[in-house]
Amino acid sequence: MGRKQTSLTSQNRCVTHHVTDLRRTLKIRRRASRTACDAERRTIVEITMRGLNTDNNQTRSLKYFASASAPSSTVELVPAQLQASIRLRGSSKSSTVKPFRSRPLSS
């Protein structure tokens, strides 16, 4: 179970909140609201980018992924995106990484 944090409400009652952790983040699926999914996706990308170089195609595609307002079903693709970024981290093919798109662009 995740960690808990206690805080006081305006009526001086103690309330316990769950603190977000990466294990919970990766489990979010279609049932979560779109706002929650977007926030969790940004959290995943921020954690991933801490271990990457600061300026290359790989980090640009992750930034695009974090800023895109994609449908909540796209959140299921996040673990695959993380795996791809980890595999390409030491590879010379990192210049061929293209920005993530949630669906094909219409012409």
N, C-alpha and C. Protein backbone atom coordinates (compact mmCIF):
# COMPACT_ATOMS: atom_id res chain seq x y z
N MET A 1 0.84 -1.18 0.00
CA MET A 1 0.00 0.00 0.00
C MET A 1 0.89 1.25 0.00
N GLY A 2 0.38 2.34 -0.53
CA GLY A 2 1.16 3.56 -0.60
C GLY A 2 1.31 4.24 0.75
N ARG A 3 2.22 5.19 0.78
CA ARG A 3 2.40 5.95 2.01
C ARG A 3 1.21 6.86 2.24
N LYS A 4 1.04 7.28 3.48
CA LYS A 4 -0.06 8.18 3.83
C LYS A 4 0.49 9.44 4.48
N GLN A 5 -0.21 10.53 4.27
CA GLN A 5 0.19 11.81 4.83
C GLN A 5 -1.01 12.40 5.54
N THR A 6 -0.79 12.89 6.74
CA THR A 6 -1.89 13.44 7.54
C THR A 6 -1.87 14.96 7.48
N SER A 7 -3.05 15.55 7.35
CA SER A 7 -3.15 17.01 7.36
C SER A 7 -4.43 17.42 8.07
N LEU A 8 -4.46 18.69 8.48
CA LEU A 8 -5.64 19.22 9.17
C LEU A 8 -6.55 19.94 8.18
N THR A 9 -7.85 19.76 8.33
CA THR A 9 -8.80 20.49 7.50
C THR A 9 -9.11 21.82 8.16
N SER A 10 -9.97 22.61 7.51
CA SER A 10 -10.34 23.91 8.07
C SER A 10 -11.13 23.76 9.37
N GLN A 11 -11.69 22.58 9.62
CA GLN A 11 -12.44 22.36 10.86
C GLN A 11 -11.62 21.60 11.89
N ASN A 12 -10.30 21.64 11.74
CA ASN A 12 -9.35 21.01 12.66
C ASN A 12 -9.58 19.50 12.83
N ARG A 13 -10.00 18.86 11.77
CA ARG A 13 -10.11 17.40 11.79
C ARG A 13 -8.92 16.81 11.07
N CYS A 14 -8.47 15.68 11.54
CA CYS A 14 -7.34 15.00 10.92
C CYS A 14 -7.82 14.20 9.71
N VAL A 15 -7.16 14.38 8.58
CA VAL A 15 -7.52 13.65 7.36
C VAL A 15 -6.27 12.98 6.82
N THR A 16 -6.40 11.75 6.38
CA THR A 16 -5.27 11.01 5.82
C THR A 16 -5.38 11.00 4.30
N HIS A 17 -4.29 11.38 3.63
CA HIS A 17 -4.23 11.38 2.17
C HIS A 17 -3.21 10.35 1.71
N HIS A 18 -3.49 9.71 0.58
CA HIS A 18 -2.49 8.81 0.00
C HIS A 18 -1.48 9.63 -0.79
N VAL A 19 -0.20 9.30 -0.65
CA VAL A 19 0.85 9.98 -1.37
C VAL A 19 1.14 9.19 -2.64
N THR A 20 1.21 9.88 -3.78
CA THR A 20 1.45 9.20 -5.06
C THR A 20 2.83 8.58 -5.09
N ASP A 21 2.91 7.35 -5.52
CA ASP A 21 4.21 6.73 -5.77
C ASP A 21 4.18 6.08 -7.15
N LEU A 22 5.34 5.70 -7.66
CA LEU A 22 5.45 5.21 -9.03
C LEU A 22 4.67 3.93 -9.25
N ARG A 23 4.62 3.04 -8.24
CA ARG A 23 3.88 1.79 -8.42
C ARG A 23 2.40 2.07 -8.68
N ARG A 24 1.83 3.01 -7.96
CA ARG A 24 0.42 3.37 -8.16
C ARG A 24 0.25 4.05 -9.52
N THR A 25 1.23 4.88 -9.88
CA THR A 25 1.16 5.62 -11.13
C THR A 25 1.04 4.69 -12.33
N LEU A 26 1.82 3.61 -12.34
CA LEU A 26 1.82 2.72 -13.49
C LEU A 26 0.55 1.89 -13.59
N LYS A 27 -0.23 1.83 -12.52
CA LYS A 27 -1.45 1.01 -12.53
C LYS A 27 -2.68 1.78 -13.00
N ILE A 28 -2.55 3.09 -13.18
CA ILE A 28 -3.72 3.87 -13.58
C ILE A 28 -4.13 3.47 -14.99
N ARG A 29 -5.39 3.21 -15.20
CA ARG A 29 -5.92 2.79 -16.50
C ARG A 29 -7.11 3.66 -16.88
N ARG A 30 -8.03 3.16 -17.63
CA ARG A 30 -9.15 3.94 -18.15
C ARG A 30 -10.10 4.44 -17.09
N ARG A 31 -10.13 3.82 -15.94
CA ARG A 31 -11.10 4.22 -14.91
C ARG A 31 -10.78 5.59 -14.30
N ALA A 32 -9.54 6.02 -14.37
CA ALA A 32 -9.16 7.31 -13.78
C ALA A 32 -9.66 8.45 -14.66
N SER A 33 -9.84 9.60 -14.05
CA SER A 33 -10.28 10.77 -14.82
C SER A 33 -9.14 11.23 -15.73
N ARG A 34 -9.50 11.99 -16.74
CA ARG A 34 -8.50 12.46 -17.70
C ARG A 34 -7.47 13.36 -17.02
N THR A 35 -7.92 14.23 -16.12
CA THR A 35 -7.01 15.12 -15.40
C THR A 35 -6.01 14.32 -14.58
N ALA A 36 -6.49 13.29 -13.89
CA ALA A 36 -5.59 12.46 -13.08
C ALA A 36 -4.60 11.73 -13.97
N CYS A 37 -5.05 11.24 -15.11
CA CYS A 37 -4.15 10.53 -16.03
C CYS A 37 -3.07 11.47 -16.55
N ASP A 38 -3.46 12.70 -16.93
CA ASP A 38 -2.47 13.67 -17.41
C ASP A 38 -1.44 13.97 -16.35
N ALA A 39 -1.88 14.16 -15.12
CA ALA A 39 -0.95 14.46 -14.02
C ALA A 39 -0.02 13.28 -13.77
N GLU A 40 -0.55 12.07 -13.79
CA GLU A 40 0.28 10.89 -13.55
C GLU A 40 1.27 10.70 -14.69
N ARG A 41 0.84 10.99 -15.93
CA ARG A 41 1.75 10.86 -17.07
C ARG A 41 2.91 11.84 -16.94
N ARG A 42 2.61 13.08 -16.52
CA ARG A 42 3.68 14.06 -16.32
C ARG A 42 4.64 13.60 -15.23
N THR A 43 4.12 12.98 -14.17
CA THR A 43 4.97 12.47 -13.09
C THR A 43 5.91 11.40 -13.62
N ILE A 44 5.40 10.48 -14.42
CA ILE A 44 6.24 9.42 -14.99
C ILE A 44 7.34 10.02 -15.85
N VAL A 45 7.00 10.98 -16.69
CA VAL A 45 7.98 11.58 -17.58
C VAL A 45 9.04 12.34 -16.78
N GLU A 46 8.64 13.06 -15.75
CA GLU A 46 9.62 13.79 -14.93
C GLU A 46 10.59 12.83 -14.26
N ILE A 47 10.09 11.72 -13.74
CA ILE A 47 10.97 10.73 -13.10
C ILE A 47 11.93 10.14 -14.12
N THR A 48 11.43 9.85 -15.31
CA THR A 48 12.27 9.26 -16.36
C THR A 48 13.33 10.24 -16.83
N MET A 49 12.96 11.51 -17.00
CA MET A 49 13.90 12.49 -17.54
C MET A 49 15.05 12.79 -16.60
N ARG A 50 14.89 12.51 -15.32
CA ARG A 50 16.00 12.75 -14.39
C ARG A 50 17.21 11.90 -14.73
N GLY A 51 16.99 10.74 -15.34
CA GLY A 51 18.10 9.85 -15.69
C GLY A 51 18.60 10.00 -17.10
N LEU A 52 18.04 10.91 -17.90
CA LEU A 52 18.42 11.08 -19.30
C LEU A 52 19.23 12.35 -19.50
N ASN A 53 19.91 12.42 -20.66
CA ASN A 53 20.60 13.65 -21.03
C ASN A 53 19.56 14.75 -21.22
N THR A 54 20.00 16.00 -21.08
CA THR A 54 19.03 17.10 -21.06
C THR A 54 18.52 17.52 -22.43
N ASP A 55 19.30 17.37 -23.50
CA ASP A 55 18.82 17.88 -24.79
C ASP A 55 19.12 16.91 -25.91
N ASN A 56 18.17 16.10 -26.27
CA ASN A 56 18.26 15.25 -27.45
C ASN A 56 16.85 14.90 -27.90
N ASN A 57 16.73 14.16 -28.99
CA ASN A 57 15.41 13.82 -29.52
C ASN A 57 14.59 13.01 -28.54
N GLN A 58 15.28 12.21 -27.77
CA GLN A 58 14.59 11.34 -26.82
C GLN A 58 13.86 12.16 -25.75
N THR A 59 14.54 13.13 -25.17
CA THR A 59 13.90 13.94 -24.14
C THR A 59 12.84 14.85 -24.74
N ARG A 60 13.06 15.31 -25.99
CA ARG A 60 12.03 16.12 -26.64
C ARG A 60 10.76 15.32 -26.85
N SER A 61 10.89 14.04 -27.23
CA SER A 61 9.68 13.23 -27.42
C SER A 61 8.99 12.98 -26.09
N LEU A 62 9.76 12.83 -25.00
CA LEU A 62 9.15 12.65 -23.69
C LEU A 62 8.44 13.92 -23.24
N LYS A 63 9.04 15.08 -23.52
CA LYS A 63 8.38 16.34 -23.17
C LYS A 63 7.08 16.50 -23.95
N TYR A 64 7.11 16.11 -25.22
CA TYR A 64 5.89 16.18 -26.03
C TYR A 64 4.82 15.26 -25.43
N PHE A 65 5.23 14.08 -25.04
CA PHE A 65 4.30 13.11 -24.46
C PHE A 65 3.70 13.66 -23.17
N ALA A 66 4.52 14.34 -22.36
CA ALA A 66 4.03 14.88 -21.08
C ALA A 66 3.08 16.04 -21.30
N SER A 67 3.31 16.84 -22.33
CA SER A 67 2.49 18.03 -22.53
C SER A 67 1.24 17.77 -23.36
N ALA A 68 1.21 16.66 -24.08
CA ALA A 68 0.05 16.37 -24.94
C ALA A 68 -1.17 16.06 -24.09
N SER A 69 -2.30 16.56 -24.52
CA SER A 69 -3.53 16.21 -23.82
C SER A 69 -4.13 15.02 -24.57
N ALA A 70 -3.62 13.86 -24.29
CA ALA A 70 -4.04 12.64 -24.96
C ALA A 70 -5.22 12.03 -24.25
N PRO A 71 -6.00 11.18 -24.93
CA PRO A 71 -7.09 10.49 -24.25
C PRO A 71 -6.57 9.57 -23.17
N SER A 72 -7.40 9.27 -22.18
CA SER A 72 -6.95 8.47 -21.04
C SER A 72 -6.51 7.07 -21.44
N SER A 73 -7.00 6.55 -22.56
CA SER A 73 -6.57 5.21 -22.99
C SER A 73 -5.10 5.20 -23.37
N THR A 74 -4.53 6.36 -23.71
CA THR A 74 -3.11 6.44 -24.07
C THR A 74 -2.22 6.14 -22.88
N VAL A 75 -2.71 6.35 -21.67
CA VAL A 75 -1.91 6.13 -20.47
C VAL A 75 -1.43 4.68 -20.41
N GLU A 76 -2.17 3.76 -21.01
CA GLU A 76 -1.76 2.37 -21.02
C GLU A 76 -0.46 2.17 -21.78
N LEU A 77 -0.10 3.11 -22.67
CA LEU A 77 1.11 2.99 -23.46
C LEU A 77 2.34 3.52 -22.74
N VAL A 78 2.17 4.13 -21.59
CA VAL A 78 3.30 4.74 -20.88
C VAL A 78 4.39 3.74 -20.54
N PRO A 79 4.10 2.56 -19.98
CA PRO A 79 5.18 1.64 -19.69
C PRO A 79 6.00 1.27 -20.92
N ALA A 80 5.37 1.11 -22.09
CA ALA A 80 6.10 0.81 -23.32
C ALA A 80 6.99 1.98 -23.70
N GLN A 81 6.50 3.20 -23.52
CA GLN A 81 7.30 4.39 -23.82
C GLN A 81 8.51 4.45 -22.91
N LEU A 82 8.33 4.11 -21.63
CA LEU A 82 9.45 4.09 -20.70
C LEU A 82 10.47 3.03 -21.09
N GLN A 83 10.01 1.86 -21.47
CA GLN A 83 10.91 0.79 -21.88
C GLN A 83 11.71 1.20 -23.10
N ALA A 84 11.06 1.85 -24.06
CA ALA A 84 11.76 2.31 -25.26
C ALA A 84 12.82 3.34 -24.91
N SER A 85 12.51 4.24 -23.99
CA SER A 85 13.49 5.27 -23.63
C SER A 85 14.68 4.67 -22.90
N ILE A 86 14.44 3.64 -22.10
CA ILE A 86 15.54 2.99 -21.38
C ILE A 86 16.42 2.23 -22.36
N ARG A 87 15.81 1.53 -23.33
CA ARG A 87 16.59 0.77 -24.32
C ARG A 87 17.44 1.70 -25.17
N LEU A 88 16.92 2.87 -25.53
CA LEU A 88 17.63 3.77 -26.42
C LEU A 88 18.62 4.68 -25.71
N ARG A 89 18.63 4.65 -24.39
CA ARG A 89 19.47 5.59 -23.63
C ARG A 89 20.93 5.52 -24.05
N GLY A 90 21.51 4.33 -24.15
CA GLY A 90 22.92 4.21 -24.51
C GLY A 90 23.13 3.93 -25.98
N SER A 91 22.09 3.92 -26.77
CA SER A 91 22.17 3.55 -28.18
C SER A 91 22.56 4.74 -29.04
N SER A 92 23.20 4.44 -30.17
CA SER A 92 23.54 5.50 -31.12
C SER A 92 22.34 5.85 -31.99
N LYS A 93 21.25 5.09 -31.90
CA LYS A 93 20.06 5.33 -32.70
C LYS A 93 19.12 6.34 -32.06
N SER A 94 19.53 7.00 -31.00
CA SER A 94 18.63 7.92 -30.30
C SER A 94 18.19 9.09 -31.17
N SER A 95 18.95 9.40 -32.24
CA SER A 95 18.57 10.50 -33.11
C SER A 95 17.37 10.14 -33.99
N THR A 96 17.01 8.85 -34.06
CA THR A 96 15.88 8.44 -34.90
C THR A 96 14.57 8.39 -34.14
N VAL A 97 14.57 8.72 -32.86
CA VAL A 97 13.35 8.67 -32.07
C VAL A 97 12.42 9.79 -32.50
N LYS A 98 11.16 9.44 -32.80
CA LYS A 98 10.19 10.43 -33.23
C LYS A 98 9.24 10.75 -32.08
N PRO A 99 8.64 11.93 -32.06
CA PRO A 99 7.70 12.28 -30.98
C PRO A 99 6.55 11.29 -30.92
N PHE A 100 6.06 11.04 -29.73
CA PHE A 100 4.95 10.11 -29.51
C PHE A 100 3.65 10.73 -30.00
N ARG A 101 2.87 9.98 -30.74
CA ARG A 101 1.56 10.42 -31.20
C ARG A 101 0.52 9.44 -30.68
N SER A 102 -0.56 9.93 -30.14
CA SER A 102 -1.58 9.05 -29.59
C SER A 102 -2.43 8.41 -30.69
N ARG A 103 -2.51 9.05 -31.85
CA ARG A 103 -3.27 8.48 -32.97
C ARG A 103 -2.73 9.07 -34.27
N PRO A 104 -2.96 8.41 -35.40
CA PRO A 104 -2.45 8.93 -36.68
C PRO A 104 -3.06 10.30 -37.00
N LEU A 105 -2.25 11.13 -37.60
CA LEU A 105 -2.74 12.45 -37.99
C LEU A 105 -3.59 12.33 -39.25
N SER A 106 -4.69 13.04 -39.31
CA SER A 106 -5.53 13.00 -40.51
C SER A 106 -4.98 13.98 -41.53
N SER A 107 -5.09 13.62 -42.79
CA SER A 107 -4.53 14.48 -43.84
C SER A 107 -5.56 15.37 -44.49
